[in-house]
Structures are given as C-alpha cells and as structure tokens.
Protein backbone atom coordinates (compact mmCIF):
# COMPACT_ATOMS: atom_id res chain seq x y z
CA MET A 1 84.01 13.81 3.17
CA ALA A 2 83.99 17.23 4.86
CA SER A 3 81.61 20.10 4.30
CA THR A 4 81.47 23.70 5.53
CA ALA A 5 80.08 23.95 9.07
CA ALA A 6 76.45 24.95 9.44
CA GLN A 7 75.59 28.61 9.76
CA LEU A 8 73.39 30.21 12.44
CA THR A 9 70.35 28.14 13.32
CA ASN A 10 67.33 28.77 15.52
CA ASP A 11 68.37 25.99 17.90
CA SER A 12 71.89 27.31 18.57
CA VAL A 13 73.15 26.95 22.15
CA ILE A 14 76.33 29.00 21.61
CA GLU A 15 76.84 32.17 19.60
CA VAL A 16 80.24 33.86 19.80
CA LYS A 17 80.59 37.19 18.04
CA ASN A 18 83.94 38.93 17.39
CA LEU A 19 85.39 37.50 20.60
CA HIS A 20 88.64 38.98 21.89
CA LYS A 21 90.64 38.14 24.99
CA GLU A 22 93.74 39.96 26.16
CA TYR A 23 96.01 39.23 29.11
CA ARG A 24 98.68 41.46 30.58
CA MET A 25 101.96 39.76 31.46
CA GLY A 26 104.21 42.40 32.98
CA SER A 27 104.53 45.11 30.34
CA GLU A 28 103.38 42.82 27.53
CA ILE A 29 99.81 42.37 26.22
CA ILE A 30 98.98 38.81 25.16
CA HIS A 31 96.23 38.57 22.52
CA ALA A 32 94.80 35.11 23.22
CA LEU A 33 91.69 35.51 21.04
CA ASN A 34 91.61 37.88 18.06
CA GLY A 35 88.02 38.05 16.83
CA VAL A 36 86.45 34.60 17.00
CA ASP A 37 83.01 34.06 15.44
CA LEU A 38 81.31 30.77 16.19
CA VAL A 39 77.86 29.16 16.30
CA ILE A 40 77.20 25.75 17.84
CA ALA A 41 73.75 24.20 17.54
CA SER A 42 71.95 21.94 19.97
CA ASN A 43 73.08 18.27 19.79
CA GLU A 44 76.27 19.03 17.87
CA TYR A 45 79.41 17.05 18.71
CA VAL A 46 82.33 19.45 18.27
CA ALA A 47 86.08 19.07 18.70
CA ILE A 48 88.08 22.26 19.30
CA MET A 49 91.69 21.73 18.30
CA GLY A 50 94.90 23.67 17.99
CA PRO A 51 98.54 23.75 19.08
CA SER A 52 99.71 25.12 22.42
CA GLY A 53 99.11 28.88 22.48
CA SER A 54 96.42 28.74 19.79
CA GLY A 55 93.70 30.07 22.10
CA LYS A 56 91.69 26.86 22.53
CA SER A 57 92.01 26.83 26.33
CA THR A 58 91.03 30.49 26.51
CA LEU A 59 88.01 29.84 24.30
CA MET A 60 87.08 26.84 26.44
CA ASN A 61 87.24 28.95 29.61
CA ILE A 62 84.95 31.58 28.10
CA ILE A 63 82.49 29.02 26.70
CA GLY A 64 82.48 27.37 30.14
CA CYS A 65 81.75 30.69 31.89
CA LEU A 66 85.02 30.41 33.80
CA ASP A 67 86.27 33.66 32.25
CA ARG A 68 84.82 36.58 30.30
CA PRO A 69 85.99 38.14 27.02
CA SER A 70 87.81 41.45 26.77
CA ASP A 71 85.54 42.38 23.87
CA GLY A 72 82.82 40.76 21.80
CA GLU A 73 79.69 38.84 22.78
CA TYR A 74 78.98 35.35 24.05
CA TRP A 75 75.37 34.13 23.95
CA LEU A 76 74.60 30.91 25.82
CA SER A 77 71.15 29.38 25.26
CA GLY A 78 69.83 32.79 24.23
CA GLU A 79 71.37 34.69 27.18
CA ASN A 80 74.17 37.22 26.71
CA VAL A 81 76.62 36.07 29.39
CA SER A 82 79.50 38.30 28.24
CA GLN A 83 78.88 41.02 30.82
CA LEU A 84 77.43 39.07 33.74
CA SER A 85 78.74 39.63 37.25
CA ASP A 86 80.85 36.91 38.85
CA SER A 87 77.90 35.56 40.84
CA GLU A 88 75.61 35.61 37.79
CA LEU A 89 78.29 33.88 35.72
CA ALA A 90 78.65 31.19 38.39
CA ARG A 91 74.89 30.57 38.35
CA ALA A 92 74.85 30.31 34.55
CA ARG A 93 77.81 27.92 34.69
CA ASN A 94 76.13 25.68 37.27
CA ARG A 95 72.84 25.56 35.35
CA LYS A 96 74.03 25.23 31.78
CA ILE A 97 77.55 23.75 31.62
CA GLY A 98 78.75 20.30 32.63
CA PHE A 99 82.54 19.92 32.89
CA VAL A 100 84.68 16.82 32.40
CA PHE A 101 88.38 17.36 33.11
CA GLN A 102 91.48 15.32 32.38
CA THR A 103 92.27 15.03 36.12
CA PHE A 104 88.75 13.92 37.22
CA ASN A 105 88.65 16.50 40.10
CA LEU A 106 86.79 14.19 42.49
CA LEU A 107 86.72 14.66 46.27
CA PRO A 108 88.84 11.79 47.63
CA ARG A 109 86.89 11.27 50.87
CA ALA A 110 83.46 11.33 49.21
CA ASN A 111 81.94 8.32 47.49
CA ALA A 112 80.73 8.37 43.88
CA LEU A 113 77.17 9.32 44.83
CA GLN A 114 78.32 12.21 47.02
CA ASN A 115 80.68 13.49 44.31
CA VAL A 116 77.86 13.52 41.76
CA GLU A 117 75.57 15.38 44.18
CA ILE A 118 77.92 18.37 44.49
CA PRO A 119 76.50 20.55 41.66
CA LEU A 120 72.99 19.98 43.02
CA MET A 121 74.09 21.09 46.48
CA TYR A 122 75.37 24.35 44.99
CA GLY A 123 72.04 24.68 43.20
CA GLY A 124 70.10 24.38 46.44
CA VAL A 125 68.42 21.05 45.60
CA GLY A 126 67.09 19.18 48.65
CA ARG A 127 68.88 16.07 49.93
CA ARG A 128 66.29 13.50 48.85
CA ALA A 129 65.86 14.97 45.36
CA ARG A 130 69.57 15.36 44.69
CA ARG A 131 70.29 11.81 45.87
CA ALA A 132 67.65 10.46 43.49
CA GLN A 133 69.05 12.50 40.58
CA ALA A 134 72.61 11.41 41.36
CA ARG A 135 71.59 7.75 41.48
CA GLU A 136 69.80 8.04 38.15
CA VAL A 137 72.74 9.58 36.33
CA LEU A 138 75.24 7.11 37.82
CA GLU A 139 73.06 4.30 36.49
CA ARG A 140 73.03 6.10 33.13
CA VAL A 141 76.85 5.91 32.92
CA GLY A 142 76.94 2.28 34.05
CA LEU A 143 78.03 2.72 37.69
CA ASN A 144 74.96 1.53 39.56
CA ASP A 145 77.15 -1.01 41.42
CA ARG A 146 79.87 1.52 42.35
CA MET A 147 77.82 4.34 43.93
CA PHE A 148 79.28 3.97 47.42
CA HIS A 149 82.91 3.50 46.40
CA ARG A 150 85.43 6.28 46.96
CA PRO A 151 87.70 7.39 44.08
CA SER A 152 90.63 5.37 45.47
CA GLU A 153 88.47 2.24 45.12
CA LEU A 154 87.67 2.91 41.46
CA SER A 155 89.64 2.41 38.26
CA GLY A 156 90.64 5.41 36.14
CA GLY A 157 87.79 4.76 33.72
CA GLN A 158 85.29 4.45 36.57
CA ARG A 159 86.52 7.72 38.07
CA GLN A 160 86.05 9.45 34.74
CA ARG A 161 82.53 8.01 34.52
CA VAL A 162 81.80 9.52 37.94
CA ALA A 163 83.09 12.83 36.58
CA VAL A 164 80.83 12.49 33.53
CA ALA A 165 77.85 11.71 35.79
CA ARG A 166 78.62 14.79 37.90
CA ALA A 167 78.75 16.88 34.73
CA LEU A 168 75.36 15.56 33.59
CA VAL A 169 73.44 15.71 36.87
CA ASN A 170 72.13 19.26 36.29
CA GLU A 171 70.97 18.36 32.76
CA PRO A 172 73.26 21.01 31.23
CA SER A 173 72.87 22.54 27.79
CA ILE A 174 76.50 21.67 27.05
CA LEU A 175 78.91 18.95 28.11
CA LEU A 176 82.38 20.51 27.93
CA ALA A 177 85.23 17.98 28.03
CA ASP A 178 88.86 19.09 28.32
CA GLU A 179 91.27 16.31 27.24
CA PRO A 180 88.96 13.75 28.91
CA THR A 181 91.12 10.72 28.08
CA GLY A 182 94.50 12.30 28.85
CA ASN A 183 95.01 10.30 32.08
CA LEU A 184 93.60 7.03 30.75
CA ASP A 185 95.11 4.11 28.86
CA SER A 186 93.99 3.67 25.27
CA ARG A 187 91.41 0.96 25.98
CA THR A 188 89.80 2.88 28.85
CA GLY A 189 89.90 6.06 26.79
CA ALA A 190 88.03 4.28 24.02
CA ASP A 191 85.36 3.25 26.54
CA ILE A 192 84.92 6.87 27.65
CA MET A 193 84.66 8.07 24.05
CA ALA A 194 82.05 5.36 23.41
CA LEU A 195 80.09 6.75 26.39
CA PHE A 196 80.28 10.24 24.88
CA GLY A 197 78.94 8.81 21.63
CA GLU A 198 75.98 7.30 23.48
CA LEU A 199 75.28 10.60 25.23
CA HIS A 200 75.38 12.44 21.91
CA ASP A 201 72.97 9.90 20.41
CA GLU A 202 70.62 10.69 23.31
CA GLY A 203 70.67 14.40 22.39
CA GLN A 204 73.51 15.85 24.47
CA THR A 205 75.53 18.73 23.01
CA ILE A 206 79.22 17.94 23.44
CA ILE A 207 82.26 20.18 23.02
CA LEU A 208 85.56 18.34 23.19
CA VAL A 209 88.81 20.26 23.63
CA THR A 210 91.75 18.12 22.51
CA HIS A 211 95.03 18.10 20.64
CA GLU A 212 94.72 14.40 19.78
CA ALA A 213 93.42 13.55 16.31
CA ASP A 214 92.34 10.06 17.41
CA ILE A 215 90.06 11.60 20.04
CA ALA A 216 88.80 14.40 17.80
CA LYS A 217 87.69 11.91 15.14
CA HIS A 218 84.75 10.93 17.35
CA ALA A 219 83.27 14.41 16.85
CA SER A 220 81.29 15.28 13.73
CA ARG A 221 82.62 18.84 13.54
CA HIS A 222 86.19 20.09 13.92
CA ILE A 223 87.13 23.68 14.75
CA HIS A 224 90.84 24.51 14.49
CA LEU A 225 92.39 27.56 16.15
CA ARG A 226 95.73 29.19 15.56
CA ASP A 227 96.98 32.51 16.92
CA GLY A 228 93.59 33.24 18.46
CA LEU A 229 91.63 32.81 15.22
CA VAL A 230 89.49 30.07 13.73
CA THR A 231 91.49 28.75 10.76
CA GLU A 232 89.29 25.75 9.90
CA ASP A 233 85.70 24.82 10.69
CA PHE A 234 84.32 21.78 8.93
CA GLN A 235 81.68 19.14 9.43
CA PHE A 236 81.82 15.46 8.51
CA GLU A 237 79.01 13.49 6.98
CA GLN A 238 77.53 11.05 9.51
CA GLU A 239 78.57 7.94 7.65
CA THR A 240 82.26 8.79 7.97
CA GLN A 241 82.17 8.61 11.77
CA SER A 242 83.49 5.49 13.49
C-alpha cells in the first residue's frame, strides 16, 4: 500500500526548490526541468523514474553535482550547492556523492584496489590510509579475494561491485546509481540489488535512477517525472518490499 511521501524533515540530505534547467539547441530552448520541488531524507531508498525526455537524467546530473540548475536552489547536506564554482562543485561531489554507473567506468589497467582508491587520491588522502580504506570497502562488498584482479579478470557482477566499493570509499552522504543493472544478466542484477538492500539496511541513502519497474521495486519511495515535473511521489510501507 502506498502513502504520500514524507515532507521536509530535519535529517534531509537533499532539498530541491523550484528547480529549472534549460538547454539551448540551436535556436530552440529545451526546458528539461520546469520547477521541481523535492526533499530526500537520510537513509531513504528512492527510485527516480520516467520515460526518455522526462528530465530524470537532468535531475540526476544536478543532484550528483555534475551540472547546475538554470534557476532554483539545491541544498545538499545543508549546503546550497546551486551557485558553487566548478572547483567547489567538484569538491562537494567528491566528498558527498558516490556514483554507480551502468558501464562500470573502471580503469582497465588498474586492479580492483587501485580503482577503488581513485576518489581518495583526488581527495588528497595518503597512500597508506587510502589503501586501508579501499581494502575495507572491498571486503564490505564481498571482494576481499579479488582485490588484485583487473577488470578483464572479473565477471560483470564483480566489476559492478568494484564500482560500488569505489562509490562508497569516501563515505558519501548519497549513493547515486544510474541504471546499475543495465549491463548485467538478471541473476547478477538481482545480486547487485541485494547488495544495495544491505547497504540501505546499514544506513546508506540510495537514489536509483531507472526506467525498469523490476529494479525500482527494491526502493521504498518512487518519484516519477514527466515533462520536467514531478507527477507522482509515493512511499511504500516497509512490509510490501521484497
């Protein structure tokens, strides 16, 4: 049974207020987002859904600090990141957002441990400390026996687990997953979604961007976009989740 999504709470990690995003394509203005209001609390598990052109990818890019809105405000963990400079936005992204992509985005010549270390290198963490953190998070996702394997020596599911470990290594406020099972078979995809469930149970905030209903059902809250607007936002009771 669904209920209306929760309103603003003191432990919110994301607050989006009247968000607009416009792109110019030649002489035409594309209105990708048309006034989105959204609050996501700590430890929520949210699926953002919508057809192609609905604005979900644009919203994901703004939430992930990969882009900035044309108008409106975006507050991330209490910080207004809407008007940050590119360098400030990059720092906020590295500290607070962990990304999991459909295509894994691993360095082919680096082993699993080295791939997971990358965000810590950008953050200026020393070699010994970042190696210890990378080892710990690889163990957390069940890859303690695959740390020194390169991506070509790993299965698709193992590669995605490396990507999840890399996303978690900075202890981000938000894990942002964009079609994370799109390149996986159904059984491996189910394993990755089970891992997300475990991470959520441990307290991780997860935002899942997907067009697949079978993947979205793992989330406890669904946000639907169409034509740059939120058309549905509902929350499921815990007992309905599989």
